[in-house]
Amino acid sequence: MKTAESILTNYKKFHISLGLERTQKILNMLGNPENGFKCFHIAGTNGKGSTSKIINDILVENFKNTDVKIGLFTSPHIARYNERIRINNENIPDYTFDKLVNLIDDFAKKNNIELTEFELLTVVAFYYFYLKRVKYVVLETGLGGSFDSTNVIKNPLTCIITTIDFDHTERLGKTINEIASQKAGIIKKNSKVVISENNLGYKTVLNKIKEENAILIDIPKVKIIFENEKNYAEIDGKKYEFNLLGSHQADNLALALGAINASGIKISNKAIKEALKNVKWKFRLDYNKEKNLLIDGAHNPSGIKVLREFVDERFQNKKKSFIFGCLKNKDYNKMLEILLKNEDEFYFFEFDYPNALKFDELCEKYKVKAQKISNIKEIKDIIKKPNLKILCGSLYMLGRLNEIL
């Protein structure tokens, strides 16, 4: 039996080919396992992961000590593919993952269907959730919405649209309206939809809601407060200890709570309180006080803007050293314009990944005073410095550094 990773990273699969036909065909042949559970479907440019994890953790906490199972499907992963498919916060086991990837891949090939990496992962996740009799699934799109393979789902409990901004413009469109239209593709007839009025794509999504005779759901008012070295979420006037940092999490939390309220699932206030206090989402404004190290997977201009605002607000008087690396198809010019100030130290990490930006390419297109890092030992030395260290630019880069972080 081949390993799941060797199959998924095969050059024939390791590309993007948007569309639902291949995924739907395989699922039909498997007896439509995607109809065996109820799901929250989430699309957006930024905030999908945090919103997914908040919903997931509230549901897991609420159904603790019962036989109700909660599935979570997210992307990308940090270190291992298994992270993308979880039940009650446990990653799919290695043996099960290898077995199902081999099974689905062989089955597809016998039927002359060549699934992409993400399509194969989607089918494996749905089949795994079905086999394990999962009741609720929190389902994050991979790219876009309309033609994302997760969009084979027919009747979601709620559709959630997180922050919309510019990213993957070569596939999703050059304007906010075009991008929002793709994200809004997850909205089904008569479905329930949550979106913030602050969302740049709000009007476009609203048009889609009307077109599908869907229902716009009210979301609670949420503020993030940091006081006495603790982070809180104020929800409709009530304060809850909240483990996710950054004022932008107010929107994500509001969407998550709105989606759960609209789903009709009975959730105890105790479950919400415990889940918010303990919720974690790795490498998203992930601060290690002991090392004075902030790690964030911001990989587009809007994500970098959130990071810079957080750093300026929370660490005003600290000297800052940025360790940055990104993919070459990202708008790194804009990202660095937002990120860097004259007084900051800037290190560029040329990490090992097929589409990673090289130092020489950065210097050609962006005139920045950067120090090149070529190996992990140099990063370890920088992390030992007393000033605030900030790693950002690519989740793929952070995945390469996972063991030392």
Protein backbone atom coordinates (compact mmCIF):
# COMPACT_ATOMS: atom_id res chain seq x y z
CA MET A 1 0.00 0.00 0.00
CA LYS A 2 1.34 3.43 -0.97
CA THR A 3 1.41 6.23 1.57
CA ALA A 4 -1.35 8.83 1.26
CA GLU A 5 1.26 11.58 0.91
CA SER A 6 3.01 9.89 -2.05
CA ILE A 7 -0.33 9.68 -3.89
CA LEU A 8 -1.49 13.21 -3.01
CA THR A 9 1.78 14.87 -4.04
CA ASN A 10 2.01 13.05 -7.35
CA TYR A 11 2.58 15.63 -10.07
CA LYS A 12 -0.62 14.55 -11.86
CA LYS A 13 -2.69 15.42 -8.80
CA PHE A 14 -0.73 18.34 -7.38
CA HIS A 15 -2.55 21.09 -9.27
CA ILE A 16 -5.85 22.96 -9.21
CA SER A 17 -8.66 22.09 -11.61
CA LEU A 18 -11.88 23.68 -10.41
CA GLY A 19 -15.18 21.92 -11.03
CA LEU A 20 -17.64 19.55 -9.38
CA GLU A 21 -18.10 16.84 -12.03
CA ARG A 22 -15.28 14.49 -11.03
CA THR A 23 -16.03 14.73 -7.31
CA GLN A 24 -19.77 14.28 -7.78
CA LYS A 25 -19.30 11.30 -10.10
CA ILE A 26 -17.15 9.42 -7.58
CA LEU A 27 -19.49 10.26 -4.69
CA ASN A 28 -22.46 8.98 -6.68
CA MET A 29 -20.62 5.70 -7.28
CA LEU A 30 -19.88 5.45 -3.54
CA GLY A 31 -23.55 5.87 -2.63
CA ASN A 32 -23.32 9.59 -1.79
CA PRO A 33 -21.67 9.51 1.64
CA GLU A 34 -21.93 13.34 1.72
CA ASN A 35 -25.67 12.94 2.39
CA GLY A 36 -24.97 11.06 5.62
CA PHE A 37 -24.22 14.13 7.75
CA LYS A 38 -25.35 17.73 8.26
CA CYS A 39 -22.84 20.47 7.62
CA PHE A 40 -21.83 24.08 8.12
CA HIS A 41 -20.32 25.25 4.82
CA ILE A 42 -17.76 28.06 4.97
CA ALA A 43 -16.24 30.18 2.18
CA GLY A 44 -14.22 33.41 2.19
CA THR A 45 -10.76 34.85 1.62
CA ASN A 46 -9.60 35.09 5.24
CA GLY A 47 -11.05 33.84 8.50
CA LYS A 48 -12.38 30.50 7.22
CA GLY A 49 -10.09 28.46 9.45
CA SER A 50 -10.74 30.42 12.64
CA THR A 51 -14.50 30.49 12.07
CA SER A 52 -14.50 26.74 11.32
CA LYS A 53 -12.51 25.96 14.46
CA ILE A 54 -14.77 28.07 16.68
CA ILE A 55 -17.89 26.29 15.40
CA ASN A 56 -16.18 22.92 15.67
CA ASP A 57 -14.97 23.45 19.23
CA ILE A 58 -18.35 24.69 20.45
CA LEU A 59 -20.03 21.62 18.97
CA VAL A 60 -17.38 19.23 20.34
CA GLU A 61 -17.69 20.77 23.81
CA ASN A 62 -21.49 20.73 23.68
CA PHE A 63 -21.68 17.04 22.75
CA LYS A 64 -18.86 15.90 25.01
CA ASN A 65 -19.70 12.62 26.76
CA THR A 66 -22.34 11.76 24.16
CA ASP A 67 -22.19 9.58 21.03
CA VAL A 68 -22.59 12.62 18.72
CA LYS A 69 -19.46 13.02 16.57
CA ILE A 70 -18.24 16.27 14.99
CA GLY A 71 -16.21 16.28 11.75
CA LEU A 72 -13.89 19.07 10.64
CA PHE A 73 -12.44 19.49 7.13
CA THR A 74 -9.99 22.38 6.61
CA SER A 75 -7.07 23.37 4.40
CA PRO A 76 -4.20 23.76 4.02
CA HIS A 77 -2.34 21.71 6.61
CA ILE A 78 0.71 22.87 8.56
CA ALA A 79 2.83 19.73 8.81
CA ARG A 80 0.76 16.70 7.75
CA TYR A 81 -2.25 16.04 5.54
CA ASN A 82 -3.99 14.27 8.45
CA GLU A 83 -4.61 17.67 10.08
CA ARG A 84 -7.22 18.47 7.42
CA ILE A 85 -9.61 15.68 8.44
CA ARG A 86 -10.63 15.44 12.09
CA ILE A 87 -13.34 13.90 14.25
CA ASN A 88 -13.83 15.44 17.69
CA ASN A 89 -10.48 17.21 17.20
CA GLU A 90 -8.60 13.96 16.53
CA ASN A 91 -6.75 13.77 13.20
CA ILE A 92 -7.60 10.85 10.93
CA PRO A 93 -5.19 8.00 11.92
CA ASP A 94 -2.27 7.31 9.56
CA TYR A 95 -3.31 3.77 8.66
CA THR A 96 -6.93 4.77 7.99
CA PHE A 97 -5.83 7.75 5.93
CA ASP A 98 -3.42 5.68 3.80
CA LYS A 99 -6.05 2.99 3.32
CA LEU A 100 -8.84 5.38 2.26
CA VAL A 101 -6.63 7.45 -0.07
CA ASN A 102 -5.47 4.25 -1.81
CA LEU A 103 -9.03 2.90 -1.96
CA ILE A 104 -10.61 6.08 -3.43
CA ASP A 105 -7.72 6.75 -5.81
CA ASP A 106 -7.78 3.18 -7.19
CA PHE A 107 -11.56 3.29 -7.50
CA ALA A 108 -11.40 6.60 -9.42
CA LYS A 109 -8.73 5.31 -11.81
CA LYS A 110 -10.69 2.13 -12.54
CA ASN A 111 -13.51 4.41 -13.63
CA ASN A 112 -11.17 6.60 -15.72
CA ILE A 113 -11.41 9.58 -13.36
CA GLU A 114 -8.23 11.43 -12.39
CA LEU A 115 -8.94 13.32 -9.16
CA THR A 116 -6.81 16.28 -8.12
CA GLU A 117 -5.18 16.40 -4.69
CA PHE A 118 -8.01 18.45 -3.16
CA GLU A 119 -10.77 16.45 -4.83
CA LEU A 120 -9.30 13.22 -3.50
CA LEU A 121 -9.01 14.70 0.00
CA THR A 122 -12.62 15.90 -0.16
CA VAL A 123 -13.96 12.48 -1.14
CA VAL A 124 -11.80 10.75 1.49
CA ALA A 125 -13.07 13.14 4.18
CA PHE A 126 -16.72 12.60 3.24
CA TYR A 127 -16.30 8.82 3.11
CA TYR A 128 -14.45 8.78 6.46
CA PHE A 129 -17.14 10.90 8.14
CA TYR A 130 -19.80 8.58 6.71
CA LEU A 131 -18.03 5.41 7.91
CA LYS A 132 -17.60 6.88 11.39
CA ARG A 133 -21.25 8.02 11.53
CA VAL A 134 -20.41 11.66 12.11
CA LYS A 135 -23.53 13.75 12.69
CA TYR A 136 -22.26 17.29 12.07
CA VAL A 137 -19.42 18.43 9.80
CA VAL A 138 -17.75 21.84 9.68
CA LEU A 139 -16.71 22.12 6.05
CA GLU A 140 -14.26 24.71 4.74
CA THR A 141 -13.92 25.36 1.01
CA GLY A 142 -10.48 25.03 -0.52
CA LEU A 143 -10.63 27.73 -3.20
CA GLY A 144 -13.56 29.95 -4.15
CA GLY A 145 -16.96 28.34 -3.68
CA SER A 146 -18.97 27.80 -6.86
CA PHE A 147 -16.54 25.28 -8.39
CA ASP A 148 -14.82 24.11 -5.22
CA SER A 149 -15.19 20.34 -4.79
CA THR A 150 -16.81 20.76 -1.35
CA ASN A 151 -19.75 22.46 -3.11
CA VAL A 152 -21.32 19.10 -3.93
CA ILE A 153 -23.05 19.47 -0.54
CA LYS A 154 -26.78 19.93 -1.18
CA ASN A 155 -28.47 21.14 2.03
CA PRO A 156 -26.07 22.83 4.47
CA LEU A 157 -27.36 23.79 7.91
CA THR A 158 -25.91 27.24 7.32
CA CYS A 159 -23.66 28.89 4.72
CA ILE A 160 -21.02 31.18 6.17
CA ILE A 161 -19.19 33.85 4.17
CA THR A 162 -16.09 35.20 5.94
CA THR A 163 -13.95 38.19 4.95
CA ILE A 164 -13.68 38.67 1.17
CA ASP A 165 -10.62 40.33 -0.31
CA PHE A 166 -8.13 39.96 -3.15
CA ASP A 167 -6.44 36.56 -3.40
CA HIS A 168 -6.21 33.90 -6.14
CA THR A 169 -7.32 36.61 -8.58
CA GLU A 170 -6.05 34.55 -11.53
CA ARG A 171 -8.82 32.02 -10.80
CA LEU A 172 -11.54 33.89 -8.92
CA GLY A 173 -11.61 37.26 -10.67
CA LYS A 174 -9.93 40.65 -10.62
CA THR A 175 -12.62 42.56 -8.69
CA ILE A 176 -14.23 42.14 -5.27
CA ASN A 177 -17.59 41.56 -6.96
CA GLU A 178 -16.18 38.74 -9.10
CA ILE A 179 -14.47 37.12 -6.11
CA ALA A 180 -17.56 37.55 -3.91
CA SER A 181 -19.71 35.98 -6.61
CA GLN A 182 -17.49 32.87 -6.57
CA LYS A 183 -17.57 32.65 -2.76
CA ALA A 184 -21.36 33.13 -2.72
CA GLY A 185 -21.65 30.06 -4.96
CA ILE A 186 -21.99 27.90 -1.83
CA ILE A 187 -25.41 29.48 -1.14
CA LYS A 188 -28.22 27.05 -1.99
CA LYS A 189 -31.96 27.48 -2.53
CA ASN A 190 -33.76 28.40 0.72
CA SER A 191 -30.53 28.06 2.73
CA LYS A 192 -29.57 30.14 5.77
CA VAL A 193 -26.64 32.53 5.30
CA VAL A 194 -24.45 34.47 7.72
CA ILE A 195 -22.23 37.33 6.61
CA SER A 196 -21.03 40.54 8.26
CA GLU A 197 -22.27 43.88 6.94
CA ASN A 198 -18.60 44.98 7.01
CA ASN A 199 -17.73 42.39 4.36
CA LEU A 200 -16.43 44.02 1.15
CA GLY A 201 -18.53 41.57 -0.86
CA TYR A 202 -21.71 42.12 1.17
CA LYS A 203 -23.85 43.56 -1.66
CA THR A 204 -22.88 40.82 -4.10
CA VAL A 205 -23.62 38.12 -1.54
CA LEU A 206 -26.92 39.81 -0.68
CA ASN A 207 -27.93 39.62 -4.35
CA LYS A 208 -27.14 35.90 -4.36
CA ILE A 209 -29.21 35.43 -1.19
CA LYS A 210 -32.20 37.06 -2.89
CA GLU A 211 -31.66 35.08 -6.08
CA GLU A 212 -31.69 31.77 -4.17
CA ASN A 213 -34.57 32.80 -1.90
CA ALA A 214 -32.15 32.19 0.97
CA ILE A 215 -32.46 33.69 4.45
CA LEU A 216 -30.00 36.27 5.81
CA ILE A 217 -29.35 35.48 9.48
CA ASP A 218 -28.65 38.16 12.09
CA ILE A 219 -25.33 37.80 13.88
CA PRO A 220 -24.56 38.97 17.44
CA LYS A 221 -22.53 42.08 18.24
CA VAL A 222 -19.03 41.07 19.30
CA LYS A 223 -16.02 43.06 20.53
CA ILE A 224 -12.57 41.78 21.42
CA ILE A 225 -11.14 43.26 24.61
CA PHE A 226 -7.63 42.82 26.00
CA GLU A 227 -7.22 43.75 29.66
CA ASN A 228 -5.07 42.59 32.57
CA GLU A 229 -3.05 40.42 30.18
CA LYS A 230 -6.18 38.47 29.21
CA ASN A 231 -8.18 38.33 26.01
CA TYR A 232 -11.98 38.53 26.10
CA ALA A 233 -14.89 38.48 23.68
CA GLU A 234 -17.83 40.66 24.58
CA ILE A 235 -20.94 39.10 23.03
CA ASP A 236 -24.12 41.18 23.22
CA GLY A 237 -22.76 42.78 26.40
CA LYS A 238 -21.56 39.55 28.10
CA LYS A 239 -17.83 38.89 28.57
CA TYR A 240 -16.21 35.53 27.77
CA GLU A 241 -12.55 34.61 28.05
CA PHE A 242 -11.39 34.04 24.45
CA ASN A 243 -8.22 32.29 23.38
CA LEU A 244 -7.93 33.67 19.80
CA LEU A 245 -6.06 36.97 19.57
CA GLY A 246 -6.81 39.96 17.34
CA SER A 247 -9.74 42.33 16.95
CA HIS A 248 -10.57 40.73 13.57
CA GLN A 249 -11.71 37.63 15.47
CA ALA A 250 -14.82 39.59 16.48
CA ASP A 251 -16.26 39.08 12.99
CA ASN A 252 -15.26 35.40 12.90
CA LEU A 253 -16.82 34.74 16.29
CA ALA A 254 -20.01 36.60 15.38
CA LEU A 255 -20.34 34.53 12.20
CA ALA A 256 -19.72 31.29 14.09
CA LEU A 257 -22.33 32.08 16.74
CA GLY A 258 -24.83 33.28 14.14
CA ALA A 259 -24.38 30.06 12.17
CA ILE A 260 -24.85 27.86 15.24
CA ASN A 261 -27.92 29.82 16.36
CA ALA A 262 -29.47 29.44 12.90
CA SER A 263 -28.75 25.71 12.73
CA GLY A 264 -31.37 24.80 15.32
CA ILE A 265 -28.83 22.79 17.35
CA LYS A 266 -29.33 23.33 21.07
CA ILE A 267 -26.07 24.61 22.55
CA SER A 268 -25.51 25.29 26.25
CA ASN A 269 -23.95 28.54 27.39
CA LYS A 270 -21.45 26.45 29.37
CA ALA A 271 -20.27 24.79 26.14
CA ILE A 272 -19.76 28.20 24.49
CA LYS A 273 -17.87 29.51 27.51
CA GLU A 274 -15.53 26.51 27.72
CA ALA A 275 -14.94 26.31 23.98
CA LEU A 276 -14.06 30.01 23.62
CA LYS A 277 -11.67 29.82 26.56
CA ASN A 278 -9.75 26.91 25.02
CA VAL A 279 -10.13 27.25 21.24
CA LYS A 280 -6.81 27.14 19.37
CA TRP A 281 -5.95 27.59 15.72
CA LYS A 282 -2.27 26.93 15.14
CA PHE A 283 -0.08 29.69 13.66
CA ARG A 284 -2.83 32.30 13.56
CA LEU A 285 -1.61 35.20 15.74
CA ASP A 286 0.04 32.48 17.80
CA TYR A 287 2.11 34.25 20.47
CA ASN A 288 4.75 32.55 22.61
CA LYS A 289 5.43 34.97 25.47
CA GLU A 290 8.45 33.06 26.75
CA LYS A 291 10.26 33.28 23.38
CA ASN A 292 8.70 36.66 22.48
CA LEU A 293 7.72 35.00 19.21
CA LEU A 294 4.60 35.72 17.14
CA ILE A 295 3.68 33.29 14.37
CA ASP A 296 0.96 34.09 11.85
CA GLY A 297 -0.11 32.42 8.62
CA ALA A 298 -1.02 35.74 6.95
CA HIS A 299 -0.39 35.15 3.24
CA ASN A 300 -2.23 37.94 1.40
CA PRO A 301 -2.50 41.74 1.80
CA SER A 302 -5.65 41.69 3.93
CA GLY A 303 -4.17 39.07 6.27
CA ILE A 304 -0.92 41.04 6.54
CA LYS A 305 -2.92 44.21 7.33
CA VAL A 306 -4.60 42.43 10.25
CA LEU A 307 -1.20 41.22 11.47
CA ARG A 308 0.41 44.68 11.27
CA GLU A 309 -2.50 46.32 13.10
CA PHE A 310 -2.29 43.70 15.84
CA VAL A 311 1.47 44.15 16.24
CA ASP A 312 1.16 47.96 16.38
CA GLU A 313 -1.62 47.79 18.95
CA ARG A 314 -0.23 45.08 21.23
CA PHE A 315 3.55 45.58 20.89
CA GLN A 316 3.94 49.33 20.35
CA ASN A 317 7.31 49.84 22.01
CA LYS A 318 9.07 46.62 21.08
CA LYS A 319 11.78 46.28 18.47
CA LYS A 320 10.49 43.98 15.74
CA SER A 321 12.24 41.43 13.54
CA PHE A 322 10.18 39.95 10.69
CA ILE A 323 11.02 36.59 9.14
CA PHE A 324 9.08 36.46 5.89
CA GLY A 325 8.66 33.96 3.08
CA CYS A 326 5.90 33.53 0.55
CA LEU A 327 4.76 31.94 -2.68
CA LYS A 328 5.64 33.72 -5.92
CA ASN A 329 2.01 33.99 -7.07
CA LYS A 330 1.13 36.18 -4.06
CA ASP A 331 0.99 39.98 -4.12
CA TYR A 332 4.14 40.29 -2.03
CA ASN A 333 4.76 43.89 -3.14
CA LYS A 334 1.54 44.95 -1.44
CA MET A 335 2.13 42.64 1.50
CA LEU A 336 5.53 44.16 2.24
CA GLU A 337 4.29 47.73 1.77
CA ILE A 338 1.78 47.08 4.55
CA LEU A 339 4.06 45.01 6.75
CA LEU A 340 7.35 46.85 6.97
CA LYS A 341 8.42 50.08 8.65
CA ASN A 342 11.89 51.64 8.50
CA GLU A 343 12.76 50.72 12.07
CA ASP A 344 11.97 46.99 11.58
CA GLU A 345 14.51 44.27 10.88
CA PHE A 346 13.57 42.15 7.86
CA TYR A 347 14.76 38.63 7.09
CA PHE A 348 13.70 36.74 3.99
CA PHE A 349 13.55 32.95 4.28
CA GLU A 350 14.07 31.10 1.00
CA PHE A 351 12.19 27.95 2.02
CA ASP A 352 11.98 24.69 0.10
CA TYR A 353 8.66 24.53 -1.78
CA PRO A 354 7.93 24.21 -5.53
CA ASN A 355 6.29 27.64 -5.87
CA ALA A 356 8.22 29.53 -3.18
CA LEU A 357 9.53 33.03 -3.95
CA LYS A 358 13.31 33.23 -4.28
CA PHE A 359 15.42 35.96 -2.69
CA ASP A 360 16.71 37.20 -6.07
CA GLU A 361 13.14 37.48 -7.39
CA LEU A 362 12.19 39.54 -4.37
CA CYS A 363 15.13 41.89 -4.84
CA GLU A 364 14.39 42.30 -8.55
CA LYS A 365 10.78 43.32 -8.08
CA TYR A 366 10.76 44.88 -4.62
CA LYS A 367 13.49 47.17 -3.38
CA VAL A 368 13.72 46.17 0.25
CA LYS A 369 16.57 46.02 2.72
CA ALA A 370 16.45 42.30 3.42
CA GLN A 371 18.80 39.78 4.93
CA LYS A 372 18.59 36.36 3.31
CA ILE A 373 18.11 33.22 5.41
CA SER A 374 18.91 29.89 3.80
CA ASN A 375 18.76 27.43 6.66
CA ILE A 376 16.91 26.65 9.85
CA LYS A 377 19.94 27.23 12.10
CA GLU A 378 19.87 30.93 11.17
CA ILE A 379 16.21 31.11 12.13
CA LYS A 380 16.93 29.44 15.47
CA ASP A 381 19.60 32.10 16.14
CA ILE A 382 17.18 34.94 15.32
CA ILE A 383 14.51 33.44 17.57
CA LYS A 384 16.98 33.65 20.49
CA LYS A 385 17.14 37.45 20.15
CA PRO A 386 15.32 39.44 22.87
CA ASN A 387 13.25 41.56 20.48
CA LEU A 388 9.83 40.56 19.12
CA LYS A 389 10.20 38.04 16.29
CA ILE A 390 7.36 37.69 13.79
CA LEU A 391 7.18 34.82 11.30
CA CYS A 392 4.65 35.28 8.51
CA GLY A 393 3.94 35.20 4.77
CA SER A 394 3.05 31.59 4.07
CA LEU A 395 1.50 28.65 5.89
CA TYR A 396 3.66 26.41 3.67
CA MET A 397 6.76 28.11 5.07
CA LEU A 398 5.51 27.65 8.64
CA GLY A 399 4.90 24.00 7.86
CA ARG A 400 8.56 23.64 6.92
CA LEU A 401 9.50 25.22 10.28
CA ASN A 402 6.92 23.34 12.33
CA GLU A 403 9.39 21.17 14.26
CA ILE A 404 11.46 24.09 15.58
CA LEU A 405 8.39 26.23 16.32
